[in-house]
Every structure is written in C-alpha cells, then in structure tokens.
C-alpha atoms as a PDB file:
ATOM      1  CA  MET A   1      83.079  95.626 159.387  1.00  0.00           C
ATOM      2  CA  LYS A   2      81.348  93.786 162.269  1.00  0.00           C
ATOM      3  CA  LYS A   3      80.718  97.022 163.863  1.00  0.00           C
ATOM      4  CA  ARG A   4      79.298  98.453 160.723  1.00  0.00           C
ATOM      5  CA  VAL A   5      77.395  95.348 159.747  1.00  0.00           C
ATOM      6  CA  ILE A   6      76.171  93.884 162.981  1.00  0.00           C
ATOM      7  CA  TYR A   7      76.087  96.689 165.523  1.00  0.00           C
ATOM      8  CA  ARG A   8      74.788  99.430 162.919  1.00  0.00           C
ATOM      9  CA  GLN A   9      77.459 101.868 164.419  1.00  0.00           C
ATOM     10  CA  SER A  10      79.483 104.646 163.020  1.00  0.00           C
ATOM     11  CA  PRO A  11      83.236 103.939 162.417  1.00  0.00           C
ATOM     12  CA  ASP A  12      86.047 105.633 164.134  1.00  0.00           C
ATOM     13  CA  SER A  13      87.319 108.063 162.048  1.00  0.00           C
ATOM     14  CA  ARG A  14      90.619 108.181 163.905  1.00  0.00           C
ATOM     15  CA  ALA A  15      91.224 104.473 163.456  1.00  0.00           C
ATOM     16  CA  LEU A  16      90.225 104.779 159.793  1.00  0.00           C
ATOM     17  CA  ARG A  17      92.803 107.800 159.270  1.00  0.00           C
ATOM     18  CA  GLU A  18      95.453 106.054 161.083  1.00  0.00           C
ATOM     19  CA  ALA A  19      94.784 102.545 159.015  1.00  0.00           C
ATOM     20  CA  MET A  20      95.051 104.727 155.747  1.00  0.00           C
ATOM     21  CA  LYS A  21      98.370 106.186 156.895  1.00  0.00           C
ATOM     22  CA  LEU A  22      99.696 102.716 157.755  1.00  0.00           C
ATOM     23  CA  ALA A  23      98.348 101.042 154.447  1.00  0.00           C
ATOM     24  CA  ASN A  24     100.151 103.655 152.546  1.00  0.00           C
ATOM     25  CA  GLU A  25     103.368 102.879 154.270  1.00  0.00           C
ATOM     26  CA  HIS A  26     102.893  99.219 153.941  1.00  0.00           C
ATOM     27  CA  LEU A  27     102.467  99.743 149.857  1.00  0.00           C
ATOM     28  CA  TYR A  28     105.575 101.523 149.833  1.00  0.00           C
ATOM     29  CA  TYR A  29     107.357  98.331 151.317  1.00  0.00           C
ATOM     30  CA  VAL A  30     105.343  96.119 148.811  1.00  0.00           C
ATOM     31  CA  ASP A  31     106.668  98.635 146.090  1.00  0.00           C
ATOM     32  CA  TYR A  32     110.020  97.505 147.319  1.00  0.00           C
ATOM     33  CA  LEU A  33     109.581  93.791 147.376  1.00  0.00           C
ATOM     34  CA  ILE A  34     108.050  93.872 143.912  1.00  0.00           C
ATOM     35  CA  ASP A  35     111.223  95.872 142.553  1.00  0.00           C
ATOM     36  CA  ASN A  36     113.942  93.261 144.312  1.00  0.00           C
ATOM     37  CA  ARG A  37     112.150  89.898 144.283  1.00  0.00           C
ATOM     38  CA  PRO A  38     110.143  87.633 142.109  1.00  0.00           C
ATOM     39  CA  TRP A  39     107.381  87.263 144.531  1.00  0.00           C
ATOM     40  CA  LEU A  40     106.358  89.134 147.517  1.00  0.00           C
ATOM     41  CA  ALA A  41     107.381  86.439 150.232  1.00  0.00           C
ATOM     42  CA  GLY A  42     110.355  84.774 148.542  1.00  0.00           C
ATOM     43  CA  ALA A  43     111.814  83.276 145.295  1.00  0.00           C
ATOM     44  CA  THR A  44     108.887  81.375 144.350  1.00  0.00           C
ATOM     45  CA  MET A  45     104.957  82.037 144.830  1.00  0.00           C
ATOM     46  CA  SER A  46     103.566  80.942 148.038  1.00  0.00           C
ATOM     47  CA  LEU A  47     100.353  80.952 149.924  1.00  0.00           C
ATOM     48  CA  ALA A  48     101.597  84.364 151.396  1.00  0.00           C
ATOM     49  CA  ASP A  49     101.779  86.019 148.372  1.00  0.00           C
ATOM     50  CA  LEU A  50      97.993  84.799 147.768  1.00  0.00           C
ATOM     51  CA  ALA A  51      96.968  86.124 151.025  1.00  0.00           C
ATOM     52  CA  ALA A  52      98.742  89.745 150.568  1.00  0.00           C
ATOM     53  CA  ALA A  53      97.006  89.906 147.107  1.00  0.00           C
ATOM     54  CA  ALA A  54      93.787  88.951 148.589  1.00  0.00           C
ATOM     55  CA  GLN A  55      94.137  91.585 151.328  1.00  0.00           C
ATOM     56  CA  ILE A  56      95.107  94.367 148.735  1.00  0.00           C
ATOM     57  CA  SER A  57      92.369  93.440 146.731  1.00  0.00           C
ATOM     58  CA  VAL A  58      89.581  93.730 149.254  1.00  0.00           C
ATOM     59  CA  ALA A  59      91.096  97.012 150.624  1.00  0.00           C
ATOM     60  CA  ASP A  60      91.042  98.155 146.858  1.00  0.00           C
ATOM     61  CA  TYR A  61      87.486  97.050 146.361  1.00  0.00           C
ATOM     62  CA  LEU A  62      86.553  99.070 149.576  1.00  0.00           C
ATOM     63  CA  GLY A  63      88.179 102.025 148.211  1.00  0.00           C
ATOM     64  CA  GLY A  64      90.806 102.088 150.991  1.00  0.00           C
ATOM     65  CA  ILE A  65      94.115 102.360 148.807  1.00  0.00           C
ATOM     66  CA  ASP A  66      95.468 105.533 147.114  1.00  0.00           C
ATOM     67  CA  TRP A  67      97.322 104.297 144.036  1.00  0.00           C
ATOM     68  CA  ALA A  68      98.775 107.581 142.972  1.00  0.00           C
ATOM     69  CA  ASN A  69     102.250 106.981 144.356  1.00  0.00           C
ATOM     70  CA  HIS A  70     102.387 103.022 143.594  1.00  0.00           C
ATOM     71  CA  GLU A  71     102.804 102.174 139.857  1.00  0.00           C
ATOM     72  CA  GLN A  72     103.532  98.676 140.568  1.00  0.00           C
END
C-alpha cells in the first residue's frame, strides 16, 4: 500500500501473484484449524484470533481472497 499510495507506483505483479497463491494455501490451513479447534489459536479466544480475523477481513475487503474452496 505504501508503494501505491505514497510513491504512486504500480504494484509488482509477480509479487501479487505469489501473495495470492500463498494466501490461498494459508486459507486451507485456517480451514483445517476451524475444523479441529474451537478457535484458530487454541482452546479459547485470544488476541491471535482477533488479529487473524482482522487480516483476513482486510484482504477480503481489498478483493484479495478467492472464497470458492473455503466454505468455513
């Protein structure tokens, strides 16, 4: 965002493609955690769960998440 907003430069498309690929892999792991735990970070809700939710929310808002294979 700094590159885009402050420096008014175009994003690196290779970095964006790699980030999207990695984000999809992370969502598969989040799916696994949701299926096997009451919360992402452990047995009770913690700051880690809220931080993860915030990051996923921002990525979703920016259109960076493909929800097709992630029903949870």
